[in-house]
């Protein structure tokens, strides 16, 4: 078990499962190098179905280099309708080619079909009685090319290690590592939340959430608006450092770049509150905690100035960080991921999941006792059950046994309790559970397709590239699989 990159350790991902050296390389040299296709879980009725009963037009859209939110806004503008009438099943990465479901409420199918948007292909599938909602997918299928690979020979050893982790066998007994280059292998990795959850260049989203959960609303604002990071442009670092040093919100507005719209929204709200309270401390650069005329309510209002999905993400990221910490501790103690130990909480497989996607149903859980251990282990071996850890919330029941010790120790270290998630508005969370093992059929091809279009089999055509294909259940991260192979700075993922 190899220690992870420091940036990953900062968000709770302490280890790589594989001891093999990394192959190197980087992702997303072009959008075509990162292809994502949703595994759909939404059945439409025909397009000629009654528009009154089925008012939503369902479309399968392939996008190149589009942010999901930006495309939805562009589509609504072209149709001359409210942005709220466009919805989708899953948010995808902008630097990719993605195929995903969108629905448009109360739309004319011919008008949707006639829309022409650059780098977008729209295929109408039918009508639905309700719009597509976030999460209305079973998973995602990935075709990913890693460029600039330095040592591709290490890929097979990594696959061998991940096959062993998926089954609990020793790597030496998990089969011929050379087979990984020729056929798909069942591999497994810890089901970490990837770096994107916390911020790729400035991983502070969970820090904001932790301050919220501790009741320090001002600390949460400072963590988001301040807290400069080395990877940011100098002007941004200077503006954030000014915030940390002065807590001068009006002065921050003069310094924060226009692109930092959410940070500026928080500052605007605080300046407005200061003006409402008579301008005490406004802009003098010498405001001290509790001496700037602002209350906890004002700082909470500043956090509520950003979109509701970002408000939820703050707390979700804190949950994710704690989850990652729990998985890292389970790894360090040598507890299995593929099967339970006494005291674990397992969930069962979604019986309605499409073929080829092992989808945990976290609404169906069971605590594993000693007398049920052998039976539940058989269920896990056959893919009918999954070991879980908590995404802590107000309704969380922690595990027993050694995993329970881990969960409680992590929460104690973070000074968190399930009751802390009883918060106003979008910050509240009841919690859920999440499978600890991410298992998939994966293939690695050293002879990645060349980019000049010919079929010549020479070293220049591979361009130091590896091509990966695998499918993951919804909510899991492709980069969590690929990090095991690259073992690079997360910024390369």
Protein backbone atom coordinates (compact mmCIF):
# COMPACT_ATOMS: atom_id res chain seq x y z
CA UNK A 1 0.00 0.00 0.00
CA UNK A 2 1.61 3.20 -1.23
CA UNK A 3 1.19 6.67 0.30
CA UNK A 4 -0.88 9.02 -1.86
CA UNK A 5 0.03 12.42 -3.29
CA UNK A 6 -0.03 15.18 -0.61
CA UNK A 7 -2.91 16.99 -2.34
CA UNK A 8 -4.98 13.79 -2.16
CA UNK A 9 -4.04 13.19 1.46
CA UNK A 10 -5.42 16.65 2.25
CA UNK A 11 -8.90 15.45 1.23
CA UNK A 12 -8.71 12.12 3.04
CA UNK A 13 -7.33 9.85 0.30
CA UNK A 14 -4.28 8.66 2.19
CA UNK A 15 -3.19 5.69 0.09
CA UNK A 16 -3.05 3.95 -3.25
CA UNK A 17 -4.11 0.31 -3.14
CA UNK A 18 -1.53 -0.65 -5.74
CA UNK A 19 2.15 -0.80 -4.81
CA UNK A 20 3.20 -0.69 -8.47
CA UNK A 21 4.92 2.48 -9.76
CA UNK A 22 2.74 4.87 -11.73
CA UNK A 23 2.64 4.94 -15.52
CA UNK A 24 2.65 8.76 -15.51
CA UNK A 25 0.75 10.72 -18.13
CA UNK A 26 -2.17 13.13 -18.03
CA UNK A 27 -5.84 13.30 -18.96
CA UNK A 28 -7.90 15.50 -21.27
CA UNK A 29 -5.33 16.56 -23.84
CA UNK A 30 -8.45 16.92 -25.99
CA UNK A 31 -12.15 16.40 -25.19
CA UNK A 32 -12.11 13.23 -27.32
CA UNK A 33 -9.67 11.67 -24.85
CA UNK A 34 -12.37 11.62 -22.17
CA UNK A 35 -15.66 10.10 -23.36
CA UNK A 36 -18.55 9.54 -20.97
CA UNK A 37 -21.86 7.87 -21.86
CA UNK A 38 -24.66 7.64 -19.34
CA UNK A 39 -26.06 4.22 -18.52
CA UNK A 40 -29.67 5.25 -18.82
CA UNK A 41 -32.39 4.35 -16.32
CA UNK A 42 -35.28 6.31 -17.77
CA UNK A 43 -37.90 4.82 -20.14
CA UNK A 44 -39.81 7.35 -22.31
CA UNK A 45 -43.14 6.99 -24.05
CA UNK A 46 -43.35 7.64 -27.82
CA UNK A 47 -43.07 11.18 -29.14
CA UNK A 48 -46.68 11.04 -30.33
CA UNK A 49 -47.95 10.28 -26.82
CA UNK A 50 -50.50 12.68 -25.29
CA UNK A 51 -48.65 15.93 -24.54
CA UNK A 52 -51.03 16.64 -21.67
CA UNK A 53 -50.14 13.46 -19.83
CA UNK A 54 -46.50 13.41 -21.00
CA UNK A 55 -45.44 17.07 -21.23
CA UNK A 56 -41.65 16.54 -21.19
CA UNK A 57 -39.60 15.87 -24.31
CA UNK A 58 -36.69 13.52 -23.59
CA UNK A 59 -33.48 13.83 -25.60
CA UNK A 60 -30.13 12.08 -25.69
CA UNK A 61 -27.50 14.77 -26.24
CA UNK A 62 -23.84 14.33 -27.15
CA UNK A 63 -21.73 17.35 -26.20
CA UNK A 64 -18.13 18.25 -26.91
CA UNK A 65 -16.48 20.71 -24.52
CA UNK A 66 -19.74 21.85 -22.90
CA UNK A 67 -20.43 22.46 -19.24
CA UNK A 68 -23.82 20.87 -18.49
CA UNK A 69 -25.30 24.02 -16.94
CA UNK A 70 -24.04 26.19 -19.79
CA UNK A 71 -25.59 23.90 -22.41
CA UNK A 72 -28.93 23.91 -20.59
CA UNK A 73 -28.88 27.72 -20.61
CA UNK A 74 -27.97 27.80 -24.32
CA UNK A 75 -30.74 25.34 -25.20
CA UNK A 76 -33.36 27.30 -23.27
CA UNK A 77 -32.22 30.56 -24.92
CA UNK A 78 -32.50 29.02 -28.39
CA UNK A 79 -35.99 27.74 -27.59
CA UNK A 80 -37.02 31.03 -25.98
CA UNK A 81 -38.08 29.37 -22.74
CA UNK A 82 -37.18 29.56 -19.08
CA UNK A 83 -33.97 27.82 -18.06
CA UNK A 84 -35.97 26.03 -15.34
CA UNK A 85 -37.77 23.98 -18.02
CA UNK A 86 -34.54 22.17 -18.96
CA UNK A 87 -33.26 19.42 -16.66
CA UNK A 88 -30.80 16.53 -16.79
CA UNK A 89 -29.78 13.33 -15.05
CA UNK A 90 -26.11 13.98 -14.30
CA UNK A 91 -23.61 16.85 -14.41
CA UNK A 92 -20.58 16.07 -16.57
CA UNK A 93 -17.06 17.41 -16.99
CA UNK A 94 -16.65 20.22 -19.52
CA UNK A 95 -13.36 18.89 -20.93
CA UNK A 96 -14.93 15.76 -22.39
CA UNK A 97 -17.26 14.29 -24.99
CA UNK A 98 -20.40 13.36 -23.08
CA UNK A 99 -23.63 11.59 -23.99
CA UNK A 100 -26.40 12.27 -21.52
CA UNK A 101 -30.15 12.69 -21.05
CA UNK A 102 -31.96 16.03 -20.99
CA UNK A 103 -35.67 16.78 -20.77
CA UNK A 104 -37.48 19.93 -21.84
CA UNK A 105 -40.84 20.68 -20.26
CA UNK A 106 -43.83 21.70 -22.41
CA UNK A 107 -41.73 21.75 -25.58
CA UNK A 108 -42.60 21.11 -29.21
CA UNK A 109 -40.48 18.15 -30.37
CA UNK A 110 -40.02 19.69 -33.81
CA UNK A 111 -38.64 22.88 -32.28
CA UNK A 112 -36.21 20.94 -30.10
CA UNK A 113 -35.12 18.86 -33.10
CA UNK A 114 -34.57 22.00 -35.19
CA UNK A 115 -32.20 23.64 -32.68
CA UNK A 116 -28.63 23.76 -33.95
CA UNK A 117 -25.96 24.32 -31.30
CA UNK A 118 -22.24 24.04 -31.95
CA UNK A 119 -20.59 20.82 -30.78
CA UNK A 120 -23.94 19.34 -29.78
CA UNK A 121 -25.94 16.47 -31.30
CA UNK A 122 -29.54 16.10 -30.14
CA UNK A 123 -31.49 12.84 -30.56
CA UNK A 124 -35.13 12.86 -29.47
CA UNK A 125 -36.19 9.72 -27.59
CA UNK A 126 -39.79 10.33 -26.60
CA UNK A 127 -42.05 11.93 -23.97
CA UNK A 128 -42.17 11.51 -20.20
CA UNK A 129 -44.69 12.28 -17.51
CA UNK A 130 -42.11 13.98 -15.31
CA UNK A 131 -38.82 15.71 -16.10
CA UNK A 132 -35.49 13.95 -15.86
CA UNK A 133 -34.11 14.66 -12.40
CA UNK A 134 -30.59 14.65 -11.05
CA UNK A 135 -29.70 11.01 -10.34
CA UNK A 136 -31.98 9.53 -13.01
CA UNK A 137 -29.17 7.37 -14.36
CA UNK A 138 -27.65 4.06 -13.33
CA UNK A 139 -24.05 4.90 -14.06
CA UNK A 140 -21.53 6.08 -16.63
CA UNK A 141 -19.46 4.24 -19.22
CA UNK A 142 -15.97 5.70 -19.77
CA UNK A 143 -13.54 5.57 -22.68
CA UNK A 144 -10.45 7.46 -21.53
CA UNK A 145 -7.09 7.94 -23.20
CA UNK A 146 -4.12 8.90 -21.05
CA UNK A 147 -1.42 10.76 -23.02
CA UNK A 148 2.23 11.27 -22.26
CA UNK A 149 2.60 7.94 -20.47
CA UNK A 150 6.19 7.45 -19.29
CA UNK A 151 6.19 3.82 -18.16
CA UNK A 152 3.24 1.89 -19.65
CA UNK A 153 4.75 -1.42 -18.53
CA UNK A 154 3.56 -0.72 -14.98
CA UNK A 155 -0.11 -0.82 -16.01
CA UNK A 156 -0.31 -4.63 -15.85
CA UNK A 157 1.15 -4.78 -12.34
CA UNK A 158 -1.37 -2.15 -11.19
CA UNK A 159 -4.23 -4.13 -12.71
CA UNK A 160 -3.00 -7.24 -10.94
CA UNK A 161 -3.00 -5.40 -7.59
CA UNK A 162 -6.50 -4.03 -8.20
CA UNK A 163 -7.80 -7.48 -9.17
CA UNK A 164 -6.50 -8.76 -5.85
CA UNK A 165 -8.14 -5.90 -3.95
CA UNK A 166 -11.50 -6.58 -5.64
CA UNK A 167 -11.51 -10.22 -4.53
CA UNK A 168 -9.39 -10.21 -1.39
CA UNK A 169 -6.83 -12.56 -2.96
CA UNK A 170 -3.10 -11.93 -2.79
CA UNK A 171 -1.82 -10.16 -5.92
CA UNK A 172 0.45 -13.09 -6.65
CA UNK A 173 -2.58 -15.41 -6.72
CA UNK A 174 -4.96 -13.17 -8.65
CA UNK A 175 -3.99 -14.41 -12.06
CA UNK A 176 -1.47 -13.71 -14.80
CA UNK A 177 -0.81 -9.94 -14.82
CA UNK A 178 -0.09 -10.07 -18.56
CA UNK A 179 -3.74 -11.02 -19.14
CA UNK A 180 -4.75 -7.48 -18.20
CA UNK A 181 -3.47 -6.17 -21.52
CA UNK A 182 -5.55 -8.66 -23.52
CA UNK A 183 -8.96 -8.87 -21.83
CA UNK A 184 -11.09 -7.02 -19.28
CA UNK A 185 -10.29 -7.68 -15.62
CA UNK A 186 -12.48 -7.27 -12.55
CA UNK A 187 -10.68 -4.62 -10.52
CA UNK A 188 -11.51 -2.79 -7.33
CA UNK A 189 -10.48 0.44 -5.60
CA UNK A 190 -11.69 2.27 -2.50
CA UNK A 191 -14.82 4.19 -3.44
CA UNK A 192 -13.25 7.53 -2.52
CA UNK A 193 -14.78 10.86 -3.44
CA UNK A 194 -12.42 12.28 -6.06
CA UNK A 195 -10.53 15.53 -5.95
CA UNK A 196 -13.25 17.29 -7.95
CA UNK A 197 -15.56 17.04 -4.94
CA UNK A 198 -13.35 19.37 -2.94
CA UNK A 199 -11.87 21.65 -5.60
CA UNK A 200 -9.09 20.57 -7.93
CA UNK A 201 -6.85 23.62 -7.61
CA UNK A 202 -8.04 24.85 -4.21
CA UNK A 203 -9.52 21.98 -2.17
CA UNK A 204 -11.38 23.98 0.47
CA UNK A 205 -15.03 23.08 -0.13
CA UNK A 206 -15.00 20.58 2.74
CA UNK A 207 -13.29 23.13 5.00
CA UNK A 208 -16.21 25.49 4.40
CA UNK A 209 -18.61 22.67 5.24
CA UNK A 210 -16.78 21.77 8.43
CA UNK A 211 -16.97 25.37 9.65
CA UNK A 212 -20.70 25.44 8.90
CA UNK A 213 -21.24 22.21 10.84
CA UNK A 214 -19.31 23.62 13.79
CA UNK A 215 -21.56 26.68 13.79
CA UNK A 216 -18.79 29.09 12.73
CA UNK A 217 -20.54 30.92 9.88
CA UNK A 218 -17.88 33.63 9.69
CA UNK A 219 -15.15 31.00 9.56
CA UNK A 220 -17.00 29.34 6.67
CA UNK A 221 -17.08 32.61 4.68
CA UNK A 222 -13.39 33.23 5.35
CA UNK A 223 -12.52 29.68 4.28
CA UNK A 224 -14.27 30.23 0.94
CA UNK A 225 -13.44 33.85 0.14
CA UNK A 226 -9.99 33.88 1.77
CA UNK A 227 -7.64 30.88 2.03
CA UNK A 228 -5.29 31.55 -0.91
CA UNK A 229 -3.86 28.52 -2.73
CA UNK A 230 -0.49 28.21 -4.46
CA UNK A 231 -2.07 26.94 -7.69
CA UNK A 232 -4.15 30.09 -8.18
CA UNK A 233 -3.04 33.15 -10.16
CA UNK A 234 -1.05 35.69 -8.19
CA UNK A 235 -3.78 38.33 -8.31
CA UNK A 236 -6.27 35.86 -6.84
CA UNK A 237 -3.87 34.84 -4.08
CA UNK A 238 -3.27 38.47 -3.18
CA UNK A 239 -7.02 39.21 -3.03
CA UNK A 240 -7.68 36.21 -0.79
CA UNK A 241 -4.73 37.07 1.46
CA UNK A 242 -6.16 40.60 1.80
CA UNK A 243 -9.45 39.08 2.99
CA UNK A 244 -7.68 36.91 5.57
CA UNK A 245 -5.65 39.85 6.87
CA UNK A 246 -8.31 42.57 6.94
CA UNK A 247 -11.83 41.06 6.73
CA UNK A 248 -12.59 44.18 4.70
CA UNK A 249 -15.45 43.04 2.49
CA UNK A 250 -15.79 46.27 0.50
CA UNK A 251 -12.05 46.28 -0.17
CA UNK A 252 -12.26 42.62 -1.18
CA UNK A 253 -14.76 43.54 -3.91
CA UNK A 254 -12.18 45.92 -5.38
CA UNK A 255 -9.58 43.16 -5.45
CA UNK A 256 -11.36 39.88 -6.22
CA UNK A 257 -11.29 39.02 -9.96
CA UNK A 258 -14.66 39.20 -11.72
CA UNK A 259 -14.48 35.45 -12.50
CA UNK A 260 -14.84 34.67 -8.77
CA UNK A 261 -18.56 35.33 -8.91
CA UNK A 262 -19.56 33.30 -5.86
CA UNK A 263 -16.93 34.90 -3.64
CA UNK A 264 -18.02 38.33 -4.83
CA UNK A 265 -21.67 37.49 -4.13
CA UNK A 266 -20.78 36.71 -0.52
CA UNK A 267 -18.88 39.99 -0.17
CA UNK A 268 -21.73 41.96 -1.72
CA UNK A 269 -24.16 40.49 0.79
CA UNK A 270 -21.89 41.36 3.72
CA UNK A 271 -21.36 44.94 2.51
CA UNK A 272 -25.13 45.32 2.16
CA UNK A 273 -25.59 44.08 5.73
CA UNK A 274 -22.94 46.50 7.01
CA UNK A 275 -24.68 49.38 5.27
CA UNK A 276 -28.01 48.31 6.76
CA UNK A 277 -26.39 48.35 10.20
CA UNK A 278 -24.95 51.82 9.72
CA UNK A 279 -21.63 51.02 8.03
CA UNK A 280 -19.78 50.10 11.20
CA UNK A 281 -16.38 48.77 10.17
CA UNK A 282 -17.14 49.23 6.50
CA UNK A 283 -14.02 49.29 4.36
CA UNK A 284 -11.60 50.45 7.11
CA UNK A 285 -9.46 47.30 6.81
CA UNK A 286 -9.21 46.96 10.61
CA UNK A 287 -12.28 44.89 11.37
CA UNK A 288 -11.80 42.30 14.07
CA UNK A 289 -14.00 39.26 14.74
CA UNK A 290 -17.19 40.48 16.44
CA UNK A 291 -16.25 44.12 15.87
CA UNK A 292 -17.37 44.66 12.29
CA UNK A 293 -21.05 45.15 12.98
CA UNK A 294 -21.92 41.73 11.52
CA UNK A 295 -23.65 38.81 13.21
CA UNK A 296 -23.68 35.06 12.64
CA UNK A 297 -26.96 35.60 10.81
CA UNK A 298 -25.24 38.00 8.43
CA UNK A 299 -22.49 35.52 7.64
CA UNK A 300 -25.02 32.77 7.10
CA UNK A 301 -26.87 35.10 4.73
CA UNK A 302 -23.61 35.59 2.82
CA UNK A 303 -23.28 31.83 2.36
CA UNK A 304 -26.90 31.74 1.21
CA UNK A 305 -26.08 34.30 -1.49
CA UNK A 306 -24.62 31.50 -3.64
CA UNK A 307 -26.78 28.96 -5.55
CA UNK A 308 -28.56 26.34 -3.48
CA UNK A 309 -26.62 23.48 -5.06
CA UNK A 310 -23.33 25.05 -3.88
CA UNK A 311 -24.76 25.52 -0.39
CA UNK A 312 -25.55 21.80 -0.29
CA UNK A 313 -22.13 20.98 -1.71
CA UNK A 314 -20.37 22.63 1.23
CA UNK A 315 -21.93 20.17 3.68
CA UNK A 316 -21.75 17.28 1.21
CA UNK A 317 -18.01 17.87 0.83
CA UNK A 318 -17.55 17.72 4.60
CA UNK A 319 -19.43 14.41 4.62
CA UNK A 320 -17.25 13.20 1.75
CA UNK A 321 -14.06 14.18 3.55
CA UNK A 322 -15.07 12.24 6.64
CA UNK A 323 -15.99 9.27 4.43
CA UNK A 324 -12.60 9.35 2.71
CA UNK A 325 -10.89 9.47 6.09
CA UNK A 326 -12.86 6.42 7.23
CA UNK A 327 -11.88 4.44 4.12
CA UNK A 328 -8.22 5.35 4.55
CA UNK A 329 -8.30 4.18 8.15
CA UNK A 330 -10.00 0.93 7.10
CA UNK A 331 -7.19 0.42 4.60
CA UNK A 332 -4.53 1.16 7.19
CA UNK A 333 -6.01 -1.40 9.58
CA UNK A 334 -6.10 -4.04 6.86
CA UNK A 335 -9.85 -4.59 7.01
CA UNK A 336 -11.38 -6.06 3.82
CA UNK A 337 -13.40 -3.95 1.43
CA UNK A 338 -14.90 -6.80 -0.62
CA UNK A 339 -16.58 -8.48 2.37
CA UNK A 340 -17.80 -7.43 5.83
CA UNK A 341 -16.44 -7.97 9.28
CA UNK A 342 -18.71 -8.23 12.31
CA UNK A 343 -20.27 -4.86 13.08
CA UNK A 344 -20.24 -3.58 9.50
CA UNK A 345 -23.37 -2.19 7.88
CA UNK A 346 -24.07 -3.54 4.39
CA UNK A 347 -26.57 -2.47 1.78
CA UNK A 348 -28.11 -4.66 -0.89
CA UNK A 349 -27.98 -4.43 -4.67
CA UNK A 350 -30.64 -2.55 -6.61
CA UNK A 351 -32.61 -5.32 -8.29
CA UNK A 352 -33.80 -2.96 -11.02
CA UNK A 353 -30.35 -1.74 -12.08
CA UNK A 354 -29.50 -2.24 -15.77
CA UNK A 355 -27.35 -5.23 -16.66
CA UNK A 356 -23.64 -4.58 -16.24
CA UNK A 357 -23.99 -2.00 -13.44
CA UNK A 358 -23.71 -3.10 -9.82
CA UNK A 359 -25.81 -0.40 -8.17
CA UNK A 360 -26.03 -0.30 -4.36
CA UNK A 361 -29.44 0.43 -2.85
CA UNK A 362 -28.54 2.40 0.28
CA UNK A 363 -32.18 2.43 1.43
CA UNK A 364 -31.87 -1.31 2.18
CA UNK A 365 -29.24 -1.86 4.85
CA UNK A 366 -28.41 -4.50 7.44
CA UNK A 367 -26.03 -4.58 10.39
CA UNK A 368 -23.76 -7.64 10.21
CA UNK A 369 -23.67 -9.78 13.34
CA UNK A 370 -21.35 -12.72 14.00
CA UNK A 371 -24.09 -15.26 13.31
CA UNK A 372 -24.93 -13.65 9.95
CA UNK A 373 -21.36 -13.03 8.86
CA UNK A 374 -20.90 -16.07 6.60
CA UNK A 375 -24.24 -15.54 4.88
CA UNK A 376 -23.64 -11.85 4.20
CA UNK A 377 -20.13 -12.58 2.92
CA UNK A 378 -21.64 -14.93 0.34
CA UNK A 379 -24.05 -12.16 -0.72
CA UNK A 380 -21.10 -9.78 -1.16
CA UNK A 381 -19.13 -12.37 -3.13
CA UNK A 382 -22.05 -12.75 -5.55
CA UNK A 383 -22.54 -8.99 -5.92
CA UNK A 384 -25.81 -8.96 -3.99
CA UNK A 385 -24.57 -6.83 -1.09
CA UNK A 386 -21.95 -4.16 -0.42
CA UNK A 387 -20.02 -3.08 2.66
CA UNK A 388 -20.77 0.58 3.44
CA UNK A 389 -19.53 3.54 5.46
CA UNK A 390 -21.62 6.57 6.43
CA UNK A 391 -22.08 9.93 4.82
CA UNK A 392 -22.96 11.29 8.21
CA UNK A 393 -26.20 13.16 8.82
CA UNK A 394 -28.92 13.56 11.42
CA UNK A 395 -30.31 10.05 10.83
CA UNK A 396 -26.96 8.22 10.77
CA UNK A 397 -26.52 5.08 12.85
CA UNK A 398 -22.83 4.26 13.11
CA UNK A 399 -21.44 0.76 12.69
CA UNK A 400 -20.44 -1.58 15.50
CA UNK A 401 -17.17 -3.46 15.95
CA UNK A 402 -13.91 -2.22 14.49
CA UNK A 403 -15.54 -0.19 11.71
CA UNK A 404 -17.66 1.52 14.33
CA UNK A 405 -14.47 2.45 16.17
CA UNK A 406 -13.10 3.96 12.95
CA UNK A 407 -16.25 5.97 12.26
CA UNK A 408 -16.39 7.38 15.78
CA UNK A 409 -12.67 8.18 15.86
CA UNK A 410 -12.87 10.16 12.60
CA UNK A 411 -15.91 12.13 13.79
CA UNK A 412 -14.26 12.82 17.13
CA UNK A 413 -11.13 14.08 15.39
CA UNK A 414 -13.25 16.40 13.24
CA UNK A 415 -15.32 17.47 16.25
CA UNK A 416 -18.50 16.34 14.50
CA UNK A 417 -21.67 14.62 15.64
CA UNK A 418 -24.73 13.52 13.62
CA UNK A 419 -26.77 16.16 15.45
CA UNK A 420 -24.54 18.87 13.94
CA UNK A 421 -26.23 18.31 10.58
CA UNK A 422 -29.53 19.66 11.89
CA UNK A 423 -29.08 23.02 10.19
CA UNK A 424 -31.31 25.60 8.49
CA UNK A 425 -32.19 25.56 4.81
CA UNK A 426 -29.95 23.84 2.30
CA UNK A 427 -27.28 23.07 4.89
CA UNK A 428 -29.29 20.32 6.59
CA UNK A 429 -28.55 16.67 5.76
CA UNK A 430 -30.11 13.46 7.03
CA UNK A 431 -27.16 11.47 5.69
CA UNK A 432 -26.94 8.14 3.89
CA UNK A 433 -24.46 5.33 3.41
CA UNK A 434 -22.09 4.58 0.51
CA UNK A 435 -20.36 1.41 -0.65
CA UNK A 436 -16.69 1.30 0.37
CA UNK A 437 -15.58 -0.76 -2.66
CA UNK A 438 -15.78 0.44 -6.26
CA UNK A 439 -15.58 -2.62 -8.52
CA UNK A 440 -15.69 -2.71 -12.32
CA UNK A 441 -14.66 -4.61 -15.42
CA UNK A 442 -11.69 -2.69 -16.83
CA UNK A 443 -9.61 -3.06 -19.97
CA UNK A 444 -6.32 -1.30 -20.74
CA UNK A 445 -5.01 -1.07 -24.29
CA UNK A 446 -1.40 -0.06 -24.78
CA UNK A 447 -1.96 0.43 -28.52
CA UNK A 448 -4.24 3.46 -28.12
CA UNK A 449 -5.72 4.72 -31.41
CA UNK A 450 -3.40 7.14 -33.14
CA UNK A 451 -4.48 10.72 -33.77
CA UNK A 452 -3.38 10.99 -37.40
CA UNK A 453 -6.02 8.56 -38.59
CA UNK A 454 -3.80 5.86 -40.11
CA UNK A 455 -3.43 2.29 -38.90
CA UNK A 456 0.34 2.12 -38.85
CA UNK A 457 1.61 0.10 -35.94
CA UNK A 458 4.58 2.10 -34.75
CA UNK A 459 5.77 3.81 -31.60
CA UNK A 460 4.80 7.28 -32.79
CA UNK A 461 1.14 6.28 -33.21
CA UNK A 462 0.71 5.26 -29.56
CA UNK A 463 2.18 8.61 -28.51
CA UNK A 464 2.91 7.16 -25.05
CA UNK A 465 -0.82 6.55 -24.61
CA UNK A 466 -2.99 4.07 -22.75
CA UNK A 467 -6.71 3.62 -23.43
CA UNK A 468 -9.01 2.62 -20.56
CA UNK A 469 -12.60 1.38 -20.75
CA UNK A 470 -14.84 0.74 -17.74
CA UNK A 471 -18.31 1.45 -16.33
CA UNK A 472 -19.07 2.86 -12.88
CA UNK A 473 -22.29 3.24 -10.89
CA UNK A 474 -23.63 6.77 -10.47
CA UNK A 475 -21.88 8.88 -7.88
CA UNK A 476 -18.48 7.24 -8.36
CA UNK A 477 -15.42 8.90 -9.88
CA UNK A 478 -13.42 7.73 -12.88
CA UNK A 479 -10.38 9.58 -11.54
CA UNK A 480 -10.44 7.37 -8.43
CA UNK A 481 -9.72 4.42 -10.71
CA UNK A 482 -7.19 6.22 -12.91
CA UNK A 483 -5.21 7.69 -9.99
CA UNK A 484 -4.07 4.15 -9.18
CA UNK A 485 -2.47 3.89 -12.62
CA UNK A 486 -1.02 7.38 -13.03
CA UNK A 487 0.06 8.08 -9.42
CA UNK A 488 0.47 11.75 -10.33
CA UNK A 489 -0.49 15.14 -9.03
CA UNK A 490 -4.35 15.23 -9.06
CA UNK A 491 -4.09 18.30 -11.29
CA UNK A 492 -3.10 15.87 -14.10
CA UNK A 493 -6.38 14.03 -13.60
